[in-house]
Amino acid sequence: MALKEYALGGIYFSPLLLYAVLGALGALILRSLLHRLVGSSRLWFEAWLDASLFVLCTAAVAWFGANATGIT
């Protein structure tokens, strides 16, 4: 994934938008897996868990996207 803007209908979108969407999907998958494995009673602060999973997944997608193009 290259770090370049994407144009749709004359509107330019940042690559961070795509990374955030992929990060949200990854966080949703990880959250559902954690709830199945651990159970919802063990995850105390669910809002903090959701926010941190989103940030971590978005950072991972951005890091892998940048490394796929050779940018370090």
N, C-alpha and C. Protein backbone atom coordinates (compact mmCIF):
# COMPACT_ATOMS: atom_id res chain seq x y z
N MET A 1 0.84 -1.17 0.00
CA MET A 1 0.00 0.00 0.00
C MET A 1 0.89 1.24 0.00
N ALA A 2 0.75 2.06 -0.96
CA ALA A 2 1.58 3.25 -1.04
C ALA A 2 0.97 4.37 -0.20
N LEU A 3 1.84 5.21 0.33
CA LEU A 3 1.39 6.35 1.11
C LEU A 3 1.14 7.52 0.16
N LYS A 4 0.01 7.47 -0.52
CA LYS A 4 -0.37 8.54 -1.44
C LYS A 4 -1.85 8.80 -1.29
N GLU A 5 -2.26 9.97 -1.75
CA GLU A 5 -3.67 10.33 -1.66
C GLU A 5 -4.47 9.56 -2.70
N TYR A 6 -5.72 9.30 -2.36
CA TYR A 6 -6.64 8.63 -3.28
C TYR A 6 -7.73 9.61 -3.67
N ALA A 7 -8.02 9.67 -4.96
CA ALA A 7 -9.03 10.61 -5.45
C ALA A 7 -10.29 9.84 -5.83
N LEU A 8 -11.40 10.29 -5.27
CA LEU A 8 -12.71 9.75 -5.62
C LEU A 8 -13.64 10.91 -5.93
N GLY A 9 -14.02 11.04 -7.18
CA GLY A 9 -14.93 12.11 -7.57
C GLY A 9 -14.36 13.50 -7.36
N GLY A 10 -13.07 13.66 -7.51
CA GLY A 10 -12.45 14.96 -7.34
C GLY A 10 -12.12 15.32 -5.91
N ILE A 11 -12.40 14.41 -4.97
CA ILE A 11 -12.08 14.65 -3.56
C ILE A 11 -10.90 13.76 -3.20
N TYR A 12 -9.89 14.35 -2.60
CA TYR A 12 -8.70 13.61 -2.21
C TYR A 12 -8.85 13.09 -0.78
N PHE A 13 -8.55 11.81 -0.60
CA PHE A 13 -8.62 11.17 0.71
C PHE A 13 -7.23 10.75 1.15
N SER A 14 -6.97 10.95 2.42
CA SER A 14 -5.69 10.59 3.00
C SER A 14 -5.58 9.07 3.10
N PRO A 15 -4.37 8.51 3.02
CA PRO A 15 -4.24 7.07 3.22
C PRO A 15 -4.57 6.66 4.66
N LEU A 16 -4.52 7.62 5.58
CA LEU A 16 -4.88 7.32 6.97
C LEU A 16 -6.34 6.89 7.08
N LEU A 17 -7.21 7.38 6.20
CA LEU A 17 -8.61 6.97 6.21
C LEU A 17 -8.73 5.49 5.91
N LEU A 18 -8.01 5.00 4.94
CA LEU A 18 -8.02 3.57 4.62
C LEU A 18 -7.41 2.77 5.77
N TYR A 19 -6.33 3.28 6.35
CA TYR A 19 -5.72 2.60 7.49
C TYR A 19 -6.67 2.53 8.68
N ALA A 20 -7.42 3.61 8.91
CA ALA A 20 -8.37 3.63 10.04
C ALA A 20 -9.51 2.64 9.82
N VAL A 21 -9.99 2.53 8.59
CA VAL A 21 -11.05 1.56 8.31
C VAL A 21 -10.55 0.13 8.51
N LEU A 22 -9.35 -0.15 8.01
CA LEU A 22 -8.78 -1.49 8.20
C LEU A 22 -8.46 -1.75 9.67
N GLY A 23 -8.02 -0.73 10.39
CA GLY A 23 -7.76 -0.86 11.81
C GLY A 23 -9.04 -1.11 12.60
N ALA A 24 -10.13 -0.46 12.23
CA ALA A 24 -11.41 -0.69 12.89
C ALA A 24 -11.91 -2.11 12.66
N LEU A 25 -11.74 -2.61 11.45
CA LEU A 25 -12.13 -3.99 11.17
C LEU A 25 -11.28 -4.98 11.95
N GLY A 26 -9.98 -4.72 12.01
CA GLY A 26 -9.10 -5.58 12.80
C GLY A 26 -9.42 -5.56 14.28
N ALA A 27 -9.74 -4.37 14.80
CA ALA A 27 -10.10 -4.25 16.21
C ALA A 27 -11.41 -4.96 16.50
N LEU A 28 -12.35 -4.89 15.58
CA LEU A 28 -13.62 -5.59 15.75
C LEU A 28 -13.42 -7.10 15.79
N ILE A 29 -12.57 -7.60 14.93
CA ILE A 29 -12.28 -9.05 14.91
C ILE A 29 -11.56 -9.47 16.18
N LEU A 30 -10.54 -8.70 16.59
CA LEU A 30 -9.82 -9.03 17.82
C LEU A 30 -10.71 -8.95 19.05
N ARG A 31 -11.60 -7.96 19.09
CA ARG A 31 -12.51 -7.82 20.24
C ARG A 31 -13.45 -9.01 20.34
N SER A 32 -13.98 -9.44 19.21
CA SER A 32 -14.88 -10.59 19.25
C SER A 32 -14.13 -11.86 19.65
N LEU A 33 -12.89 -12.01 19.19
CA LEU A 33 -12.09 -13.17 19.60
C LEU A 33 -11.78 -13.14 21.09
N LEU A 34 -11.45 -11.97 21.61
CA LEU A 34 -11.17 -11.85 23.04
C LEU A 34 -12.41 -12.13 23.89
N HIS A 35 -13.55 -11.69 23.43
CA HIS A 35 -14.78 -11.95 24.18
C HIS A 35 -15.13 -13.44 24.17
N ARG A 36 -14.82 -14.11 23.09
CA ARG A 36 -15.08 -15.56 23.04
C ARG A 36 -14.09 -16.33 23.91
N LEU A 37 -12.84 -15.91 23.91
CA LEU A 37 -11.82 -16.63 24.66
C LEU A 37 -11.83 -16.31 26.15
N VAL A 38 -11.93 -15.03 26.50
CA VAL A 38 -11.82 -14.60 27.88
C VAL A 38 -13.18 -14.47 28.54
N GLY A 39 -14.15 -14.00 27.80
CA GLY A 39 -15.47 -13.73 28.36
C GLY A 39 -15.61 -12.25 28.67
N SER A 40 -16.81 -11.75 28.62
CA SER A 40 -17.01 -10.30 28.79
C SER A 40 -16.88 -9.86 30.24
N SER A 41 -17.00 -10.77 31.20
CA SER A 41 -16.88 -10.36 32.60
C SER A 41 -15.44 -10.08 32.99
N ARG A 42 -14.48 -10.61 32.26
CA ARG A 42 -13.06 -10.41 32.59
C ARG A 42 -12.50 -9.13 31.99
N LEU A 43 -13.15 -8.61 30.96
CA LEU A 43 -12.68 -7.37 30.33
C LEU A 43 -13.39 -6.21 31.01
N TRP A 44 -12.69 -5.55 31.95
CA TRP A 44 -13.33 -4.60 32.84
C TRP A 44 -13.75 -3.32 32.15
N PHE A 45 -12.83 -2.64 31.57
CA PHE A 45 -13.11 -1.34 30.97
C PHE A 45 -13.20 -1.52 29.46
N GLU A 46 -14.39 -1.83 28.98
CA GLU A 46 -14.55 -2.17 27.57
C GLU A 46 -14.29 -1.00 26.65
N ALA A 47 -14.63 0.22 27.07
CA ALA A 47 -14.38 1.38 26.22
C ALA A 47 -12.88 1.60 26.02
N TRP A 48 -12.11 1.43 27.10
CA TRP A 48 -10.65 1.57 26.97
C TRP A 48 -10.08 0.45 26.10
N LEU A 49 -10.63 -0.73 26.24
CA LEU A 49 -10.17 -1.86 25.42
C LEU A 49 -10.45 -1.59 23.95
N ASP A 50 -11.64 -1.11 23.64
CA ASP A 50 -11.98 -0.83 22.25
C ASP A 50 -11.10 0.26 21.66
N ALA A 51 -10.88 1.32 22.42
CA ALA A 51 -10.05 2.43 21.94
C ALA A 51 -8.60 1.98 21.72
N SER A 52 -8.07 1.21 22.67
CA SER A 52 -6.67 0.79 22.54
C SER A 52 -6.50 -0.23 21.41
N LEU A 53 -7.47 -1.13 21.24
CA LEU A 53 -7.39 -2.07 20.12
C LEU A 53 -7.44 -1.34 18.78
N PHE A 54 -8.29 -0.31 18.69
CA PHE A 54 -8.38 0.47 17.46
C PHE A 54 -7.05 1.16 17.15
N VAL A 55 -6.45 1.78 18.16
CA VAL A 55 -5.18 2.49 17.96
C VAL A 55 -4.07 1.51 17.58
N LEU A 56 -4.00 0.39 18.28
CA LEU A 56 -2.96 -0.60 17.98
C LEU A 56 -3.13 -1.21 16.59
N CYS A 57 -4.35 -1.54 16.22
CA CYS A 57 -4.58 -2.13 14.90
C CYS A 57 -4.33 -1.13 13.78
N THR A 58 -4.71 0.13 13.99
CA THR A 58 -4.46 1.16 12.98
C THR A 58 -2.96 1.41 12.83
N ALA A 59 -2.24 1.43 13.94
CA ALA A 59 -0.78 1.60 13.88
C ALA A 59 -0.12 0.42 13.18
N ALA A 60 -0.60 -0.78 13.44
CA ALA A 60 -0.04 -1.97 12.79
C ALA A 60 -0.30 -1.95 11.29
N VAL A 61 -1.50 -1.57 10.89
CA VAL A 61 -1.82 -1.49 9.46
C VAL A 61 -0.97 -0.42 8.78
N ALA A 62 -0.80 0.73 9.42
CA ALA A 62 0.02 1.80 8.86
C ALA A 62 1.49 1.37 8.77
N TRP A 63 1.97 0.66 9.79
CA TRP A 63 3.36 0.21 9.77
C TRP A 63 3.59 -0.81 8.66
N PHE A 64 2.68 -1.79 8.55
CA PHE A 64 2.82 -2.78 7.48
C PHE A 64 2.64 -2.16 6.11
N GLY A 65 1.75 -1.17 6.00
CA GLY A 65 1.56 -0.49 4.72
C GLY A 65 2.78 0.31 4.32
N ALA A 66 3.43 0.94 5.29
CA ALA A 66 4.63 1.72 4.97
C ALA A 66 5.80 0.80 4.65
N ASN A 67 5.92 -0.32 5.35
CA ASN A 67 7.02 -1.25 5.09
C ASN A 67 6.82 -2.01 3.79
N ALA A 68 5.61 -2.14 3.33
CA ALA A 68 5.37 -2.83 2.05
C ALA A 68 5.88 -2.01 0.89
N THR A 69 5.94 -0.68 1.06
CA THR A 69 6.42 0.18 -0.01
C THR A 69 7.91 0.51 0.13
N GLY A 70 8.54 0.07 1.23
CA GLY A 70 9.95 0.32 1.42
C GLY A 70 10.25 1.56 2.22
N ILE A 71 9.23 2.22 2.76
CA ILE A 71 9.43 3.42 3.57
C ILE A 71 9.67 2.98 5.01
N THR A 72 10.72 3.48 5.64
CA THR A 72 11.00 3.11 7.03
C THR A 72 10.82 4.28 7.95
